[in-house]
């Protein structure tokens, strides 16, 4: 299926948001996921199965000074 991730079209296998984060090797700490223009709490990532045409924004926040 095809989804848009951070503005880029990507072909992925059917999965949940949590599975996608793990597949991409992303650190969930400090990661914010927007799914179809809605922020998704991390505890909901395993429950939301991605669908063809979905839009995701994966945003990592890093502290510093």
PDB file of N, CA and C in Angstrom:
ATOM      1  N   UNK A   1       0.841  -1.176   0.000  1.00  0.00           N
ATOM      2  CA  UNK A   1       0.000   0.000   0.000  1.00  0.00           C
ATOM      3  C   UNK A   1       0.882   1.233   0.000  1.00  0.00           C
ATOM      4  N   UNK A   2       0.297   2.356  -0.348  1.00  0.00           N
ATOM      5  CA  UNK A   2       1.043   3.617  -0.411  1.00  0.00           C
ATOM      6  C   UNK A   2       0.502   4.585   0.637  1.00  0.00           C
ATOM      7  N   UNK A   3       1.433   5.167   1.377  1.00  0.00           N
ATOM      8  CA  UNK A   3       1.109   6.194   2.363  1.00  0.00           C
ATOM      9  C   UNK A   3       2.092   7.344   2.172  1.00  0.00           C
ATOM     10  N   UNK A   4       1.730   8.496   2.678  1.00  0.00           N
ATOM     11  CA  UNK A   4       2.629   9.646   2.629  1.00  0.00           C
ATOM     12  C   UNK A   4       3.251   9.818   4.005  1.00  0.00           C
ATOM     13  N   UNK A   5       4.594   9.804   4.042  1.00  0.00           N
ATOM     14  CA  UNK A   5       5.326   9.957   5.296  1.00  0.00           C
ATOM     15  C   UNK A   5       6.214  11.184   5.175  1.00  0.00           C
ATOM     16  N   UNK A   6       5.937  12.169   6.015  1.00  0.00           N
ATOM     17  CA  UNK A   6       6.693  13.434   6.000  1.00  0.00           C
ATOM     18  C   UNK A   6       6.754  14.030   4.597  1.00  0.00           C
ATOM     19  N   UNK A   7       5.627  13.962   3.885  1.00  0.00           N
ATOM     20  CA  UNK A   7       5.524  14.582   2.569  1.00  0.00           C
ATOM     21  C   UNK A   7       5.992  13.724   1.412  1.00  0.00           C
ATOM     22  N   UNK A   8       6.555  12.542   1.692  1.00  0.00           N
ATOM     23  CA  UNK A   8       7.047  11.663   0.631  1.00  0.00           C
ATOM     24  C   UNK A   8       6.173  10.422   0.519  1.00  0.00           C
ATOM     25  N   UNK A   9       5.829  10.037  -0.705  1.00  0.00           N
ATOM     26  CA  UNK A   9       5.038   8.836  -0.943  1.00  0.00           C
ATOM     27  C   UNK A   9       5.907   7.611  -0.685  1.00  0.00           C
ATOM     28  N   UNK A  10       5.392   6.661   0.095  1.00  0.00           N
ATOM     29  CA  UNK A  10       6.149   5.452   0.427  1.00  0.00           C
ATOM     30  C   UNK A  10       5.267   4.230   0.242  1.00  0.00           C
ATOM     31  N   UNK A  11       5.854   3.159  -0.263  1.00  0.00           N
ATOM     32  CA  UNK A  11       5.166   1.872  -0.361  1.00  0.00           C
ATOM     33  C   UNK A  11       5.557   1.051   0.859  1.00  0.00           C
ATOM     34  N   UNK A  12       4.555   0.633   1.626  1.00  0.00           N
ATOM     35  CA  UNK A  12       4.824  -0.147   2.833  1.00  0.00           C
ATOM     36  C   UNK A  12       3.883  -1.342   2.879  1.00  0.00           C
ATOM     37  N   UNK A  13       4.269  -2.343   3.653  1.00  0.00           N
ATOM     38  CA  UNK A  13       3.386  -3.475   3.921  1.00  0.00           C
ATOM     39  C   UNK A  13       2.358  -3.031   4.961  1.00  0.00           C
ATOM     40  N   UNK A  14       1.233  -3.713   4.997  1.00  0.00           N
ATOM     41  CA  UNK A  14       0.200  -3.402   5.982  1.00  0.00           C
ATOM     42  C   UNK A  14       0.795  -3.521   7.385  1.00  0.00           C
ATOM     43  N   UNK A  15       0.565  -2.509   8.215  1.00  0.00           N
ATOM     44  CA  UNK A  15       1.114  -2.510   9.570  1.00  0.00           C
ATOM     45  C   UNK A  15       0.403  -1.461  10.415  1.00  0.00           C
ATOM     46  N   UNK A  16       0.736  -1.467  11.702  1.00  0.00           N
ATOM     47  CA  UNK A  16       0.241  -0.435  12.609  1.00  0.00           C
ATOM     48  C   UNK A  16       1.272   0.694  12.672  1.00  0.00           C
ATOM     49  N   UNK A  17       0.884   1.789  13.292  1.00  0.00           N
ATOM     50  CA  UNK A  17       1.836   2.888  13.485  1.00  0.00           C
ATOM     51  C   UNK A  17       3.028   2.402  14.310  1.00  0.00           C
ATOM     52  N   UNK A  18       2.765   1.644  15.364  1.00  0.00           N
ATOM     53  CA  UNK A  18       3.848   1.129  16.199  1.00  0.00           C
ATOM     54  C   UNK A  18       4.816   0.257  15.421  1.00  0.00           C
ATOM     55  N   UNK A  19       4.288  -0.596  14.556  1.00  0.00           N
ATOM     56  CA  UNK A  19       5.142  -1.455  13.735  1.00  0.00           C
ATOM     57  C   UNK A  19       5.978  -0.630  12.759  1.00  0.00           C
ATOM     58  N   UNK A  20       5.384   0.399  12.182  1.00  0.00           N
ATOM     59  CA  UNK A  20       6.115   1.256  11.247  1.00  0.00           C
ATOM     60  C   UNK A  20       7.269   1.976  11.948  1.00  0.00           C
ATOM     61  N   UNK A  21       7.003   2.485  13.139  1.00  0.00           N
ATOM     62  CA  UNK A  21       8.051   3.164  13.909  1.00  0.00           C
ATOM     63  C   UNK A  21       9.209   2.197  14.170  1.00  0.00           C
ATOM     64  N   UNK A  22       8.893   0.963  14.566  1.00  0.00           N
ATOM     65  CA  UNK A  22       9.934  -0.037  14.833  1.00  0.00           C
ATOM     66  C   UNK A  22      10.686  -0.415  13.559  1.00  0.00           C
ATOM     67  N   UNK A  23       9.961  -0.612  12.455  1.00  0.00           N
ATOM     68  CA  UNK A  23      10.588  -0.989  11.182  1.00  0.00           C
ATOM     69  C   UNK A  23      11.577   0.065  10.711  1.00  0.00           C
ATOM     70  N   UNK A  24      11.270   1.311  10.986  1.00  0.00           N
ATOM     71  CA  UNK A  24      12.140   2.406  10.542  1.00  0.00           C
ATOM     72  C   UNK A  24      13.266   2.689  11.531  1.00  0.00           C
ATOM     73  N   UNK A  25      13.299   1.947  12.633  1.00  0.00           N
ATOM     74  CA  UNK A  25      14.367   2.111  13.614  1.00  0.00           C
ATOM     75  C   UNK A  25      14.310   3.427  14.361  1.00  0.00           C
ATOM     76  N   UNK A  26      13.109   3.984  14.493  1.00  0.00           N
ATOM     77  CA  UNK A  26      12.951   5.272  15.168  1.00  0.00           C
ATOM     78  C   UNK A  26      12.837   5.073  16.676  1.00  0.00           C
ATOM     79  N   UNK A  27      13.424   5.980  17.428  1.00  0.00           N
ATOM     80  CA  UNK A  27      13.336   5.950  18.883  1.00  0.00           C
ATOM     81  C   UNK A  27      12.009   6.584  19.289  1.00  0.00           C
ATOM     82  N   UNK A  28      11.119   5.812  19.912  1.00  0.00           N
ATOM     83  CA  UNK A  28       9.815   6.369  20.277  1.00  0.00           C
ATOM     84  C   UNK A  28       9.891   7.494  21.306  1.00  0.00           C
ATOM     85  N   UNK A  29      11.003   7.547  22.050  1.00  0.00           N
ATOM     86  CA  UNK A  29      11.165   8.616  23.037  1.00  0.00           C
ATOM     87  C   UNK A  29      11.372   9.931  22.285  1.00  0.00           C
ATOM     88  N   UNK A  30      10.521  10.896  22.518  1.00  0.00           N
ATOM     89  CA  UNK A  30      10.632  12.189  21.838  1.00  0.00           C
ATOM     90  C   UNK A  30      10.032  12.210  20.449  1.00  0.00           C
ATOM     91  N   UNK A  31       9.350  11.119  20.045  1.00  0.00           N
ATOM     92  CA  UNK A  31       8.738  11.050  18.718  1.00  0.00           C
ATOM     93  C   UNK A  31       7.254  11.401  18.815  1.00  0.00           C
ATOM     94  N   UNK A  32       6.808  12.273  17.934  1.00  0.00           N
ATOM     95  CA  UNK A  32       5.392  12.626  17.840  1.00  0.00           C
ATOM     96  C   UNK A  32       4.902  12.142  16.486  1.00  0.00           C
ATOM     97  N   UNK A  33       3.742  11.468  16.489  1.00  0.00           N
ATOM     98  CA  UNK A  33       3.160  10.961  15.251  1.00  0.00           C
ATOM     99  C   UNK A  33       1.843  11.675  14.986  1.00  0.00           C
ATOM    100  N   UNK A  34       1.759  12.253  13.800  1.00  0.00           N
ATOM    101  CA  UNK A  34       0.507  12.845  13.324  1.00  0.00           C
ATOM    102  C   UNK A  34      -0.020  11.931  12.225  1.00  0.00           C
ATOM    103  N   UNK A  35      -1.236  11.435  12.409  1.00  0.00           N
ATOM    104  CA  UNK A  35      -1.871  10.515  11.462  1.00  0.00           C
ATOM    105  C   UNK A  35      -3.118  11.186  10.909  1.00  0.00           C
ATOM    106  N   UNK A  36      -3.090  11.472   9.615  1.00  0.00           N
ATOM    107  CA  UNK A  36      -4.225  12.146   8.969  1.00  0.00           C
ATOM    108  C   UNK A  36      -4.647  13.401   9.726  1.00  0.00           C
ATOM    109  N   UNK A  37      -3.659  14.215  10.058  1.00  0.00           N
ATOM    110  CA  UNK A  37      -3.825  15.523  10.695  1.00  0.00           C
ATOM    111  C   UNK A  37      -4.292  15.452  12.146  1.00  0.00           C
ATOM    112  N   UNK A  38      -4.085  14.301  12.793  1.00  0.00           N
ATOM    113  CA  UNK A  38      -4.411  14.168  14.216  1.00  0.00           C
ATOM    114  C   UNK A  38      -3.207  13.592  14.949  1.00  0.00           C
ATOM    115  N   UNK A  39      -2.852  14.210  16.064  1.00  0.00           N
ATOM    116  CA  UNK A  39      -1.762  13.699  16.891  1.00  0.00           C
ATOM    117  C   UNK A  39      -2.242  12.409  17.558  1.00  0.00           C
ATOM    118  N   UNK A  40      -1.390  11.377  17.512  1.00  0.00           N
ATOM    119  CA  UNK A  40      -1.731  10.077  18.095  1.00  0.00           C
ATOM    120  C   UNK A  40      -0.837   9.841  19.313  1.00  0.00           C
ATOM    121  N   UNK A  41      -1.460   9.576  20.464  1.00  0.00           N
ATOM    122  CA  UNK A  41      -0.696   9.270  21.669  1.00  0.00           C
ATOM    123  C   UNK A  41       0.034   7.944  21.475  1.00  0.00           C
ATOM    124  N   UNK A  42       1.220   7.860  22.039  1.00  0.00           N
ATOM    125  CA  UNK A  42       2.068   6.692  21.846  1.00  0.00           C
ATOM    126  C   UNK A  42       1.380   5.391  22.262  1.00  0.00           C
ATOM    127  N   UNK A  43       0.578   5.419  23.301  1.00  0.00           N
ATOM    128  CA  UNK A  43      -0.082   4.184  23.742  1.00  0.00           C
ATOM    129  C   UNK A  43      -1.111   3.671  22.729  1.00  0.00           C
ATOM    130  N   UNK A  44      -1.511   4.505  21.773  1.00  0.00           N
ATOM    131  CA  UNK A  44      -2.467   4.104  20.735  1.00  0.00           C
ATOM    132  C   UNK A  44      -1.787   3.581  19.464  1.00  0.00           C
ATOM    133  N   UNK A  45      -0.458   3.760  19.334  1.00  0.00           N
ATOM    134  CA  UNK A  45       0.247   3.349  18.117  1.00  0.00           C
ATOM    135  C   UNK A  45      -0.003   1.890  17.737  1.00  0.00           C
ATOM    136  N   UNK A  46      -0.015   0.941  18.714  1.00  0.00           N
ATOM    137  CA  UNK A  46      -0.235  -0.461  18.327  1.00  0.00           C
ATOM    138  C   UNK A  46      -1.666  -0.743  17.850  1.00  0.00           C
ATOM    139  N   UNK A  47      -2.591   0.158  18.145  1.00  0.00           N
ATOM    140  CA  UNK A  47      -4.001  -0.070  17.815  1.00  0.00           C
ATOM    141  C   UNK A  47      -4.418   0.489  16.461  1.00  0.00           C
ATOM    142  N   UNK A  48      -3.609   1.361  15.874  1.00  0.00           N
ATOM    143  CA  UNK A  48      -4.022   2.038  14.642  1.00  0.00           C
ATOM    144  C   UNK A  48      -3.337   1.401  13.445  1.00  0.00           C
ATOM    145  N   UNK A  49      -4.133   0.687  12.652  1.00  0.00           N
ATOM    146  CA  UNK A  49      -3.645   0.028  11.437  1.00  0.00           C
ATOM    147  C   UNK A  49      -3.687   1.040  10.302  1.00  0.00           C
ATOM    148  N   UNK A  50      -2.563   1.180   9.621  1.00  0.00           N
ATOM    149  CA  UNK A  50      -2.473   2.129   8.511  1.00  0.00           C
ATOM    150  C   UNK A  50      -3.265   1.629   7.315  1.00  0.00           C
ATOM    151  N   UNK A  51      -3.812   2.573   6.558  1.00  0.00           N
ATOM    152  CA  UNK A  51      -4.614   2.280   5.375  1.00  0.00           C
ATOM    153  C   UNK A  51      -3.985   2.947   4.161  1.00  0.00           C
ATOM    154  N   UNK A  52      -4.245   2.395   2.995  1.00  0.00           N
ATOM    155  CA  UNK A  52      -3.762   2.982   1.751  1.00  0.00           C
ATOM    156  C   UNK A  52      -4.223   4.437   1.672  1.00  0.00           C
ATOM    157  N   UNK A  53      -3.295   5.337   1.366  1.00  0.00           N
ATOM    158  CA  UNK A  53      -3.625   6.753   1.224  1.00  0.00           C
ATOM    159  C   UNK A  53      -3.481   7.576   2.490  1.00  0.00           C
ATOM    160  N   UNK A  54      -3.133   6.934   3.617  1.00  0.00           N
ATOM    161  CA  UNK A  54      -2.950   7.678   4.863  1.00  0.00           C
ATOM    162  C   UNK A  54      -1.786   8.660   4.749  1.00  0.00           C
ATOM    163  N   UNK A  55      -1.833   9.684   5.600  1.00  0.00           N
ATOM    164  CA  UNK A  55      -0.769  10.686   5.682  1.00  0.00           C
ATOM    165  C   UNK A  55      -0.199  10.665   7.092  1.00  0.00           C
ATOM    166  N   UNK A  56       1.120  10.565   7.180  1.00  0.00           N
ATOM    167  CA  UNK A  56       1.807  10.554   8.468  1.00  0.00           C
ATOM    168  C   UNK A  56       2.877  11.627   8.502  1.00  0.00           C
ATOM    169  N   UNK A  57       3.021  12.230   9.654  1.00  0.00           N
ATOM    170  CA  UNK A  57       4.157  13.100   9.935  1.00  0.00           C
ATOM    171  C   UNK A  57       4.821  12.495  11.163  1.00  0.00           C
ATOM    172  N   UNK A  58       6.107  12.183  11.049  1.00  0.00           N
ATOM    173  CA  UNK A  58       6.885  11.627  12.151  1.00  0.00           C
ATOM    174  C   UNK A  58       7.888  12.690  12.574  1.00  0.00           C
ATOM    175  N   UNK A  59       7.694  13.236  13.757  1.00  0.00           N
ATOM    176  CA  UNK A  59       8.496  14.370  14.225  1.00  0.00           C
ATOM    177  C   UNK A  59       9.296  13.980  15.458  1.00  0.00           C
ATOM    178  N   UNK A  60      10.609  14.120  15.394  1.00  0.00           N
ATOM    179  CA  UNK A  60      11.485  13.839  16.529  1.00  0.00           C
ATOM    180  C   UNK A  60      11.917  15.152  17.161  1.00  0.00           C
ATOM    181  N   UNK A  61      11.815  15.204  18.479  1.00  0.00           N
ATOM    182  CA  UNK A  61      12.234  16.389  19.206  1.00  0.00           C
ATOM    183  C   UNK A  61      13.489  16.066  19.993  1.00  0.00           C
ATOM    184  N   UNK A  62      14.472  16.943  19.877  1.00  0.00           N
ATOM    185  CA  UNK A  62      15.752  16.759  20.543  1.00  0.00           C
ATOM    186  C   UNK A  62      16.022  17.984  21.399  1.00  0.00           C
ATOM    187  N   UNK A  63      16.360  17.743  22.649  1.00  0.00           N
ATOM    188  CA  UNK A  63      16.685  18.848  23.539  1.00  0.00           C
ATOM    189  C   UNK A  63      18.121  19.302  23.341  1.00  0.00           C
ATOM    190  N   UNK A  64      18.374  20.497  23.726  1.00  0.00           N
ATOM    191  CA  UNK A  64      19.733  21.022  23.610  1.00  0.00           C
ATOM    192  C   UNK A  64      19.770  22.464  24.082  1.00  0.00           C
ATOM    193  N   UNK A  65      20.914  23.013  24.063  1.00  0.00           N
ATOM    194  CA  UNK A  65      21.003  24.366  24.565  1.00  0.00           C
ATOM    195  C   UNK A  65      21.943  25.220  23.800  1.00  0.00           C
TER     196      UNK A  65
END
